[in-house]
Protein backbone atom coordinates (compact mmCIF):
# COMPACT_ATOMS: atom_id res chain seq x y z
CA UNK A 1 17.26 -21.78 -28.37
CA UNK A 2 16.01 -18.83 -30.23
CA UNK A 3 14.56 -19.59 -33.62
CA UNK A 4 16.39 -19.18 -36.56
CA UNK A 5 16.66 -15.84 -38.81
CA UNK A 6 15.48 -13.96 -35.10
CA UNK A 7 16.55 -10.60 -33.61
CA UNK A 8 16.67 -8.97 -30.40
CA UNK A 9 13.81 -6.85 -30.34
CA UNK A 10 13.84 -2.67 -30.48
CA UNK A 11 10.91 -0.89 -28.88
CA UNK A 12 10.24 2.48 -29.55
CA UNK A 13 7.57 3.95 -27.09
CA UNK A 14 5.44 6.72 -27.17
CA UNK A 15 4.11 8.44 -24.36
CA UNK A 16 1.12 10.33 -24.88
CA UNK A 17 -0.29 11.33 -21.73
CA UNK A 18 -3.24 13.68 -23.54
CA UNK A 19 -4.08 12.00 -26.69
CA UNK A 20 -7.24 14.11 -26.55
CA UNK A 21 -5.52 17.41 -27.67
CA UNK A 22 -7.92 20.41 -27.22
CA UNK A 23 -10.79 17.93 -25.25
CA UNK A 24 -11.35 19.63 -22.10
CA UNK A 25 -12.04 17.96 -19.63
CA UNK A 26 -10.33 14.73 -21.02
CA UNK A 27 -12.66 12.30 -22.49
CA UNK A 28 -11.54 8.67 -22.14
CA UNK A 29 -13.57 7.13 -24.99
CA UNK A 30 -12.15 9.92 -27.32
CA UNK A 31 -8.55 9.22 -26.02
CA UNK A 32 -9.19 5.16 -26.72
CA UNK A 33 -10.33 6.19 -30.31
CA UNK A 34 -7.49 8.50 -31.10
CA UNK A 35 -5.39 5.71 -29.58
CA UNK A 36 -6.70 3.19 -31.93
CA UNK A 37 -6.69 5.31 -34.94
CA UNK A 38 -3.07 5.97 -34.27
CA UNK A 39 -2.24 2.47 -34.14
CA UNK A 40 -3.67 1.79 -37.58
CA UNK A 41 -1.32 4.75 -38.98
CA UNK A 42 2.02 3.17 -37.20
CA UNK A 43 1.12 -0.52 -38.15
CA UNK A 44 2.51 0.28 -41.95
CA UNK A 45 5.77 0.29 -39.99
CA UNK A 46 5.53 -2.72 -37.52
CA UNK A 47 3.38 -5.69 -37.07
CA UNK A 48 4.26 -5.68 -33.54
CA UNK A 49 2.35 -2.80 -31.42
CA UNK A 50 1.42 -2.89 -27.80
CA UNK A 51 -1.38 -0.40 -26.49
CA UNK A 52 -1.06 1.25 -23.51
CA UNK A 53 -3.43 3.61 -21.39
CA UNK A 54 -1.55 6.40 -22.11
CA UNK A 55 0.16 5.44 -25.48
CA UNK A 56 1.94 2.69 -27.41
CA UNK A 57 4.67 0.82 -28.12
CA UNK A 58 6.55 -0.50 -31.46
CA UNK A 59 8.83 -3.14 -32.25
CA UNK A 60 11.17 -1.77 -35.05
CA UNK A 61 13.26 -4.66 -35.24
CA UNK A 62 11.85 -6.77 -37.96
CA UNK A 63 11.56 -3.68 -40.07
CA UNK A 64 14.58 -1.94 -39.66
CA UNK A 65 16.18 -3.43 -43.37
CA UNK A 66 12.59 -2.76 -45.04
CA UNK A 67 13.28 1.17 -44.43
CA UNK A 68 16.89 1.58 -44.54
CA UNK A 69 17.62 1.24 -40.95
CA UNK A 70 16.72 3.08 -37.66
CA UNK A 71 17.42 6.67 -39.02
CA UNK A 72 15.64 6.83 -42.02
CA UNK A 73 12.68 4.67 -39.92
CA UNK A 74 12.17 7.17 -37.20
CA UNK A 75 12.13 9.81 -39.94
CA UNK A 76 9.01 8.55 -41.29
CA UNK A 77 7.46 7.76 -38.06
CA UNK A 78 8.19 11.16 -37.56
CA UNK A 79 6.46 12.24 -40.18
CA UNK A 80 3.34 10.13 -39.89
CA UNK A 81 3.46 11.38 -36.23
CA UNK A 82 3.13 15.24 -37.79
CA UNK A 83 0.47 14.28 -40.06
CA UNK A 84 -1.66 12.22 -37.57
CA UNK A 85 -1.67 15.82 -35.50
CA UNK A 86 -2.38 17.89 -37.62
CA UNK A 87 -1.34 21.64 -38.64
CA UNK A 88 0.33 23.08 -35.46
CA UNK A 89 0.10 20.09 -33.72
CA UNK A 90 3.40 19.25 -32.86
CA UNK A 91 5.54 15.86 -33.45
CA UNK A 92 3.27 13.56 -31.87
CA UNK A 93 -0.19 14.19 -30.82
CA UNK A 94 -0.52 15.47 -27.31
CA UNK A 95 2.90 16.70 -27.58
CA UNK A 96 4.20 13.26 -25.75
CA UNK A 97 7.32 12.10 -25.52
CA UNK A 98 9.25 9.05 -26.78
CA UNK A 99 12.03 6.28 -25.68
CA UNK A 100 13.99 3.69 -27.42
CA UNK A 101 15.15 0.55 -25.83
CA UNK A 102 16.01 -2.97 -26.09
CA UNK A 103 13.06 -4.02 -23.92
CA UNK A 104 9.54 -3.00 -23.53
CA UNK A 105 9.51 -1.84 -20.69
CA UNK A 106 12.58 -0.06 -20.24
CA UNK A 107 11.54 1.97 -23.41
CA UNK A 108 8.56 2.83 -21.64
CA UNK A 109 10.09 3.90 -18.43
CA UNK A 110 13.15 6.14 -21.03
CA UNK A 111 9.62 7.91 -22.31
CA UNK A 112 8.38 9.11 -18.90
CA UNK A 113 11.79 9.98 -17.66
CA UNK A 114 12.04 13.60 -16.56
CA UNK A 115 15.24 14.18 -18.67
CA UNK A 116 18.35 12.64 -19.93
CA UNK A 117 18.85 10.31 -22.71
CA UNK A 118 15.84 8.40 -24.64
CA UNK A 119 17.94 6.48 -27.19
CA UNK A 120 19.87 3.55 -25.93
CA UNK A 121 20.43 0.79 -28.22
CA UNK A 122 23.02 -1.53 -25.66
CA UNK A 123 21.53 -3.40 -22.97
CA UNK A 124 24.27 -2.50 -20.29
CA UNK A 125 23.52 1.30 -21.29
CA UNK A 126 20.01 1.08 -20.50
CA UNK A 127 20.46 -0.67 -17.18
CA UNK A 128 23.13 1.62 -16.21
CA UNK A 129 20.24 4.31 -16.95
CA UNK A 130 17.56 2.30 -15.54
CA UNK A 131 19.36 2.41 -12.48
CA UNK A 132 19.67 6.22 -12.23
CA UNK A 133 15.75 6.92 -12.78
CA UNK A 134 13.50 8.00 -9.78
CA UNK A 135 11.11 6.31 -7.96
CA UNK A 136 8.55 8.40 -9.41
CA UNK A 137 8.30 6.22 -12.13
CA UNK A 138 7.19 3.16 -10.15
CA UNK A 139 3.58 4.17 -10.69
CA UNK A 140 4.16 3.84 -14.45
CA UNK A 141 6.26 0.76 -14.18
CA UNK A 142 3.38 -0.88 -12.51
CA UNK A 143 0.59 0.23 -15.05
CA UNK A 144 2.88 -1.38 -17.60
CA UNK A 145 2.02 -4.58 -16.57
CA UNK A 146 -1.12 -6.50 -15.05
CA UNK A 147 -1.18 -6.70 -11.11
CA UNK A 148 -0.81 -10.13 -9.26
CA UNK A 149 -2.21 -11.02 -6.41
CA UNK A 150 -0.37 -10.36 -2.95
CA UNK A 151 0.93 -6.92 -4.44
CA UNK A 152 1.13 -3.91 -2.01
CA UNK A 153 -1.26 -0.79 -3.09
CA UNK A 154 1.56 1.54 -3.64
CA UNK A 155 4.93 0.78 -4.80
CA UNK A 156 6.07 4.43 -4.64
CA UNK A 157 5.64 5.38 -1.10
CA UNK A 158 6.89 2.23 0.32
CA UNK A 159 10.06 2.55 -1.63
CA UNK A 160 10.51 5.96 -0.38
CA UNK A 161 9.52 4.87 2.95
CA UNK A 162 12.76 2.08 2.77
CA UNK A 163 14.85 4.98 2.03
CA UNK A 164 15.22 4.44 -1.92
CA UNK A 165 15.51 7.38 -4.18
CA UNK A 166 16.27 5.60 -7.69
CA UNK A 167 15.31 2.18 -9.42
CA UNK A 168 19.03 0.92 -8.74
CA UNK A 169 19.06 1.53 -5.38
CA UNK A 170 15.63 -0.40 -4.80
CA UNK A 171 16.63 -3.22 -6.75
CA UNK A 172 20.02 -3.39 -4.81
CA UNK A 173 18.06 -4.58 -1.86
CA UNK A 174 17.49 -8.41 -0.79
CA UNK A 175 15.13 -10.18 -3.28
CA UNK A 176 13.22 -12.06 -0.98
CA UNK A 177 12.20 -8.80 1.36
CA UNK A 178 11.46 -6.96 -1.68
CA UNK A 179 8.93 -9.83 -2.85
CA UNK A 180 7.69 -10.14 1.08
CA UNK A 181 6.50 -6.12 1.12
CA UNK A 182 5.80 -5.34 -2.35
CA UNK A 183 4.48 -8.83 -3.90
CA UNK A 184 5.87 -10.53 -6.87
CA UNK A 185 4.97 -7.78 -9.33
CA UNK A 186 7.59 -5.32 -8.73
CA UNK A 187 10.74 -7.83 -9.18
CA UNK A 188 9.05 -9.04 -12.35
CA UNK A 189 8.49 -5.61 -13.54
CA UNK A 190 12.20 -4.65 -12.81
CA UNK A 191 13.37 -7.64 -14.16
CA UNK A 192 11.92 -6.96 -17.06
CA UNK A 193 12.84 -3.73 -17.84
CA UNK A 194 16.56 -4.84 -17.45
CA UNK A 195 16.31 -7.67 -19.69
CA UNK A 196 16.73 -10.45 -17.29
CA UNK A 197 12.91 -11.90 -17.73
CA UNK A 198 10.89 -12.28 -20.94
CA UNK A 199 8.57 -9.64 -21.69
CA UNK A 200 5.60 -11.24 -23.61
CA UNK A 201 3.41 -8.14 -23.50
CA UNK A 202 -0.27 -8.82 -25.76
CA UNK A 203 0.00 -7.55 -29.15
CA UNK A 204 -2.51 -5.30 -30.99
CA UNK A 205 -4.30 -6.99 -33.55
CA UNK A 206 -5.52 -4.84 -36.66
CA UNK A 207 -8.78 -4.99 -37.23
CA UNK A 208 -11.26 -3.67 -40.00
CA UNK A 209 -13.74 -1.19 -38.23
CA UNK A 210 -17.16 -2.18 -37.99
CA UNK A 211 -20.03 0.33 -38.60
CA UNK A 212 -23.31 0.77 -39.76
CA UNK A 213 -25.44 3.51 -41.18
CA UNK A 214 -29.10 3.67 -41.70
CA UNK A 215 -30.52 7.03 -43.52
CA UNK A 216 -34.26 7.11 -42.42
CA UNK A 217 -37.42 7.95 -44.89
CA UNK A 218 -38.64 10.66 -42.64
CA UNK A 219 -37.44 12.63 -39.63
CA UNK A 220 -38.30 10.65 -36.50
CA UNK A 221 -38.54 11.84 -32.97
CA UNK A 222 -39.96 8.67 -31.31
CA UNK A 223 -37.68 6.94 -29.33
CA UNK A 224 -39.22 3.49 -29.61
CA UNK A 225 -39.10 4.30 -33.51
CA UNK A 226 -35.62 4.62 -33.54
CA UNK A 227 -34.91 1.36 -31.18
CA UNK A 228 -36.72 -0.66 -34.19
CA UNK A 229 -34.99 0.94 -36.47
CA UNK A 230 -31.63 -0.53 -35.27
CA UNK A 231 -32.66 -4.14 -35.18
CA UNK A 232 -30.95 -4.63 -38.54
CA UNK A 233 -27.82 -3.56 -37.20
CA UNK A 234 -27.53 -6.19 -34.19
CA UNK A 235 -28.09 -8.86 -36.43
CA UNK A 236 -25.33 -7.42 -38.84
CA UNK A 237 -22.92 -7.24 -35.41
CA UNK A 238 -23.51 -10.57 -34.63
CA UNK A 239 -22.75 -11.68 -38.26
CA UNK A 240 -19.44 -10.15 -38.06
CA UNK A 241 -18.50 -10.97 -34.92
CA UNK A 242 -19.65 -14.57 -34.97
CA UNK A 243 -16.60 -15.89 -37.66
CA UNK A 244 -13.96 -14.16 -35.94
CA UNK A 245 -14.75 -15.55 -32.41
CA UNK A 246 -14.89 -11.60 -30.78
CA UNK A 247 -17.22 -10.06 -28.81
CA UNK A 248 -18.31 -6.37 -28.73
CA UNK A 249 -17.15 -4.55 -25.82
CA UNK A 250 -17.50 -0.57 -26.78
CA UNK A 251 -20.24 0.78 -29.00
CA UNK A 252 -21.19 3.96 -29.95
CA UNK A 253 -24.63 5.29 -31.20
CA UNK A 254 -24.84 8.51 -33.69
CA UNK A 255 -27.98 10.17 -33.72
CA UNK A 256 -27.84 12.77 -36.99
CA UNK A 257 -30.21 16.05 -36.55
CA UNK A 258 -31.29 18.01 -39.60
CA UNK A 259 -28.75 20.66 -40.65
CA UNK A 260 -31.21 24.07 -40.72
CA UNK A 261 -30.07 27.29 -39.79
CA UNK A 262 -27.53 26.36 -36.90
CA UNK A 263 -25.55 23.30 -37.05
CA UNK A 264 -26.62 20.85 -34.54
CA UNK A 265 -24.51 18.54 -33.51
CA UNK A 266 -25.03 14.78 -33.37
CA UNK A 267 -26.54 13.03 -30.32
CA UNK A 268 -23.67 10.60 -29.13
CA UNK A 269 -24.71 7.55 -26.82
CA UNK A 270 -21.69 5.46 -25.82
CA UNK A 271 -21.97 1.74 -24.70
CA UNK A 272 -18.85 0.42 -22.78
CA UNK A 273 -19.52 -3.05 -21.45
CA UNK A 274 -18.49 -4.89 -18.29
CA UNK A 275 -18.34 -8.20 -20.25
CA UNK A 276 -17.87 -8.39 -23.42
CA UNK A 277 -21.19 -9.63 -25.37
CA UNK A 278 -22.10 -10.85 -28.75
CA UNK A 279 -25.77 -11.90 -28.44
CA UNK A 280 -27.73 -9.45 -30.54
CA UNK A 281 -30.81 -9.18 -28.50
CA UNK A 282 -28.60 -8.39 -25.52
CA UNK A 283 -26.85 -5.59 -26.92
CA UNK A 284 -30.25 -4.22 -28.42
CA UNK A 285 -31.48 -4.13 -25.36
CA UNK A 286 -28.69 -2.51 -23.35
CA UNK A 287 -28.28 0.29 -26.12
CA UNK A 288 -32.19 0.23 -25.43
CA UNK A 289 -31.64 1.27 -22.02
CA UNK A 290 -29.62 4.26 -22.74
CA UNK A 291 -31.91 5.48 -25.51
CA UNK A 292 -35.10 5.47 -23.80
CA UNK A 293 -33.23 7.85 -21.18
CA UNK A 294 -32.08 10.30 -23.90
CA UNK A 295 -33.67 13.64 -24.88
CA UNK A 296 -33.48 14.37 -28.41
CA UNK A 297 -32.89 17.97 -28.94
CA UNK A 298 -34.18 18.08 -32.43
CA UNK A 299 -36.03 14.96 -34.83
CA UNK A 300 -33.22 12.34 -36.06
CA UNK A 301 -32.36 11.91 -39.80
CA UNK A 302 -29.63 9.14 -39.55
CA UNK A 303 -28.46 6.73 -37.69
CA UNK A 304 -24.60 5.31 -36.98
CA UNK A 305 -23.41 2.81 -35.06
CA UNK A 306 -19.79 2.14 -34.25
CA UNK A 307 -17.71 -0.98 -32.80
CA UNK A 308 -14.96 0.92 -31.25
CA UNK A 309 -13.68 -2.44 -29.12
CA UNK A 310 -14.11 -6.28 -29.15
CA UNK A 311 -12.29 -8.91 -27.14
CA UNK A 312 -11.62 -12.68 -28.06
CA UNK A 313 -14.78 -15.15 -27.61
CA UNK A 314 -14.77 -16.53 -24.02
CA UNK A 315 -13.72 -19.81 -24.16
CA UNK A 316 -16.22 -20.81 -21.59
CA UNK A 317 -19.24 -19.70 -23.43
CA UNK A 318 -21.83 -22.62 -23.65
CA UNK A 319 -20.65 -25.28 -21.16
CA UNK A 320 -23.33 -27.67 -19.95
CA UNK A 321 -22.74 -27.59 -15.96
CA UNK A 322 -23.16 -24.37 -14.65
CA UNK A 323 -19.87 -22.63 -13.04
CA UNK A 324 -18.03 -19.83 -11.90
CA UNK A 325 -17.85 -18.57 -15.06
CA UNK A 326 -21.95 -18.46 -15.60
CA UNK A 327 -22.19 -16.73 -12.03
CA UNK A 328 -19.55 -13.82 -13.38
CA UNK A 329 -21.55 -13.39 -16.52
CA UNK A 330 -24.65 -13.22 -14.62
CA UNK A 331 -23.14 -10.19 -12.45
CA UNK A 332 -21.54 -8.50 -15.34
CA UNK A 333 -24.94 -8.47 -17.05
CA UNK A 334 -26.65 -7.00 -14.25
CA UNK A 335 -23.63 -4.16 -13.73
CA UNK A 336 -24.07 -3.33 -17.49
CA UNK A 337 -27.83 -3.15 -17.13
CA UNK A 338 -27.75 -0.94 -14.09
CA UNK A 339 -25.11 1.19 -15.73
CA UNK A 340 -27.25 1.64 -18.55
CA UNK A 341 -30.03 3.04 -16.62
CA UNK A 342 -27.80 5.04 -14.20
CA UNK A 343 -25.10 6.43 -16.09
CA UNK A 344 -21.12 5.37 -16.28
CA UNK A 345 -19.63 5.82 -13.08
CA UNK A 346 -22.42 5.78 -11.19
CA UNK A 347 -22.85 2.16 -9.84
CA UNK A 348 -19.72 1.79 -7.19
CA UNK A 349 -18.58 -0.94 -4.95
CA UNK A 350 -16.15 -1.59 -2.59
CA UNK A 351 -12.51 -2.71 -3.10
CA UNK A 352 -9.65 -4.55 -0.25
CA UNK A 353 -6.94 -2.24 0.91
CA UNK A 354 -3.68 -3.58 2.06
CA UNK A 355 -4.08 -1.76 5.24
CA UNK A 356 -5.39 -3.32 8.83
CA UNK A 357 -6.58 0.50 9.67
CA UNK A 358 -10.60 -0.14 9.48
CA UNK A 359 -11.04 3.37 8.23
CA UNK A 360 -8.45 2.46 5.33
CA UNK A 361 -9.10 -0.95 4.90
CA UNK A 362 -11.78 -0.49 1.95
CA UNK A 363 -12.47 2.07 -0.81
CA UNK A 364 -14.87 2.89 -3.43
CA UNK A 365 -14.28 1.92 -6.99
CA UNK A 366 -16.48 1.93 -10.08
CA UNK A 367 -18.30 -1.44 -10.29
CA UNK A 368 -16.88 -4.02 -12.77
CA UNK A 369 -16.48 -7.75 -13.39
CA UNK A 370 -13.47 -9.59 -13.01
CA UNK A 371 -12.45 -12.02 -15.40
CA UNK A 372 -12.43 -15.39 -14.37
CA UNK A 373 -8.92 -16.24 -13.88
CA UNK A 374 -8.16 -12.89 -11.83
CA UNK A 375 -11.23 -14.06 -9.87
CA UNK A 376 -9.98 -17.66 -9.52
CA UNK A 377 -6.32 -16.37 -8.66
CA UNK A 378 -7.80 -14.19 -5.99
CA UNK A 379 -9.05 -16.91 -4.51
CA UNK A 380 -6.18 -18.85 -4.00
CA UNK A 381 -3.80 -15.89 -2.76
CA UNK A 382 -7.06 -15.01 -0.57
CA UNK A 383 -5.72 -13.10 2.61
CA UNK A 384 -6.72 -15.13 5.75
CA UNK A 385 -10.52 -14.14 7.58
CA UNK A 386 -9.93 -11.10 10.21
CA UNK A 387 -9.66 -13.11 13.96
CA UNK A 388 -12.24 -10.96 15.73
CA UNK A 389 -15.60 -9.47 14.89
CA UNK A 390 -16.30 -6.62 12.97
CA UNK A 391 -19.17 -4.05 12.97
CA UNK A 392 -21.93 -3.09 10.64
CA UNK A 393 -21.51 0.74 10.78
CA UNK A 394 -18.19 2.34 11.20
CA UNK A 395 -18.18 5.88 12.33
CA UNK A 396 -16.34 8.44 9.99
CA UNK A 397 -13.77 9.59 12.70
CA UNK A 398 -13.40 7.84 16.07
CA UNK A 399 -15.24 9.34 19.00
CA UNK A 400 -13.05 9.87 22.25
CA UNK A 401 -14.78 8.06 25.38
CA UNK A 402 -14.09 9.01 29.07
CA UNK A 403 -12.85 6.86 31.57
CA UNK A 404 -13.11 6.14 35.39
CA UNK A 405 -10.73 6.02 37.83
CA UNK A 406 -9.74 2.56 36.78
CA UNK A 407 -9.31 3.39 33.10
CA UNK A 408 -12.64 1.77 32.17
CA UNK A 409 -14.88 3.53 29.10
CA UNK A 410 -17.60 4.91 29.53
CA UNK A 411 -20.46 5.73 27.24
CA UNK A 412 -23.67 7.69 27.47
CA UNK A 413 -22.83 8.20 31.19
CA UNK A 414 -22.99 4.68 31.49
CA UNK A 415 -19.82 2.29 32.10
CA UNK A 416 -19.28 -0.38 29.29
CA UNK A 417 -18.51 -3.55 29.61
CA UNK A 418 -15.52 -5.04 27.79
CA UNK A 419 -16.28 -8.53 25.98
CA UNK A 420 -13.72 -10.97 24.78
CA UNK A 421 -10.38 -10.73 24.17
CA UNK A 422 -8.57 -7.86 23.02
CA UNK A 423 -7.68 -7.65 19.22
CA UNK A 424 -4.61 -5.74 18.20
CA UNK A 425 -3.58 -4.03 15.40
CA UNK A 426 -0.83 -2.41 14.07
CA UNK A 427 -0.71 -0.49 10.95
CA UNK A 428 0.55 2.88 9.22
CA UNK A 429 4.46 1.95 9.86
CA UNK A 430 4.59 2.89 5.67
CA UNK A 431 2.55 6.03 5.37
CA UNK A 432 3.25 7.76 9.15
CA UNK A 433 4.68 6.86 12.55
CA UNK A 434 2.59 4.22 13.17
CA UNK A 435 -0.39 3.03 15.29
CA UNK A 436 -1.10 0.48 17.82
CA UNK A 437 -4.53 -0.50 18.98
CA UNK A 438 -6.65 -2.93 20.99
CA UNK A 439 -10.10 -3.50 19.62
CA UNK A 440 -12.48 -5.27 22.17
CA UNK A 441 -16.52 -5.50 21.67
CA UNK A 442 -18.31 -3.54 24.73
CA UNK A 443 -22.12 -3.61 25.54
CA UNK A 444 -23.58 -0.63 27.10
CA UNK A 445 -26.47 -0.08 29.24
CA UNK A 446 -28.82 0.25 26.85
CA UNK A 447 -28.00 -3.19 25.96
CA UNK A 448 -26.47 -2.39 22.37
CA UNK A 449 -22.87 -3.58 21.01
CA UNK A 450 -20.18 -1.42 20.42
CA UNK A 451 -16.60 -1.88 18.92
CA UNK A 452 -13.82 0.10 20.85
CA UNK A 453 -10.15 0.09 20.97
CA UNK A 454 -7.93 1.39 23.31
CA UNK A 455 -4.85 3.47 21.63
CA UNK A 456 -1.19 2.32 22.80
CA UNK A 457 1.06 4.33 20.88
CA UNK A 458 0.62 7.11 17.64
CA UNK A 459 -1.28 10.36 18.26
CA UNK A 460 -2.42 11.07 21.75
CA UNK A 461 -1.10 7.24 23.13
CA UNK A 462 -1.95 7.64 26.84
CA UNK A 463 -4.08 4.59 26.72
CA UNK A 464 -7.42 6.36 25.85
CA UNK A 465 -10.40 5.03 24.55
CA UNK A 466 -12.41 5.39 21.33
CA UNK A 467 -15.70 4.37 19.82
CA UNK A 468 -15.01 3.20 16.17
CA UNK A 469 -18.48 1.47 15.20
CA UNK A 470 -21.71 -0.04 15.97
CA UNK A 471 -22.69 -3.84 15.69
CA UNK A 472 -26.13 -4.26 14.33
């Protein structure tokens, strides 16, 4: 039973794919900072704000009567948008689009739809409109909610392979089959958009920005002296975070230079943490790593430290017995230290993909620390271990092998002895005609183990043998 005086939500979605405006190339940190600034402006019209990677959503239902109805409220929002954009900036920063609907997911899809109405106040009209939207919006639908274990790598190619051109056609397929192919996340996201499942998005919390300034008594060029001058800032930041039970996740240090004949821009150092932190000694050490590798164009006259992002304090902090959370924290500390020394994006890790073909079974991504809930959830839904052995070295492209009259593969002028039973891998049916391969370890005359396969169908399906890897 709904609580008294409750009313159905009315979500306004603002899709701003290029919030940085004239910044080229795009700066994700600057865009996130601009999005936070826009959210602070719009918090005067709604206390229920949800931030997305490329925009935000506002629930206008609680404040409709306060501002004199929907039309008056939309006029006030447009005026605020023009002020935020500045002279000649258009209706909203980045010249984005908007959508208005009874569901947050539905409004987010309407804002990114290529054409058609974007203001639908009745749920049945929203459902009719959503059914006609193309499956090109599936990536936007997936980014609207956190990924769940067991999901397919990409929704849109799989939906097109099933012959579905619209979201309505996709939703008419049997639910059991959709969940088996796509995972549980697609059905939940579609039900939320249609208003048939509850939406519990993480609301943005308005908090006062924290910053610290220091005018140096004299111009300073020594990096170790600048690091020592920052010591009071870390103590002040810890004192601000502790009563709020928050941890710092993103920091920015500005080094101001003397202004002489030519304007000298500030030197900016950004610190993005894989795991949020509140200990002043650790924050000082990480920023010291970045500061030690900075080349100053001139002396420094002032320091400014800004807290750009913070998260709620980890409830597992300070546990008596060690557990998985502490192992994850040590991993995050190592990632943060290496990122501070090497630079953002230089540290990479491998991620498993939903594809049985060895050359597509993994991909690179920037190293990151997963939250404990994701780690335990992934462990519960982990895929079974591969039935056959896997080599340590995999060739970029399989190498064709000659065969003798009996069909046995040869390599380096000698026959290969096949070991064990063949392991059949079938994949590629969702993005290509599909392939079937029989993999086996093979021993050569040089007593080195190889990983070979015989292609049964697909390109060159004539039973030919290929070398795909080497065992260590």
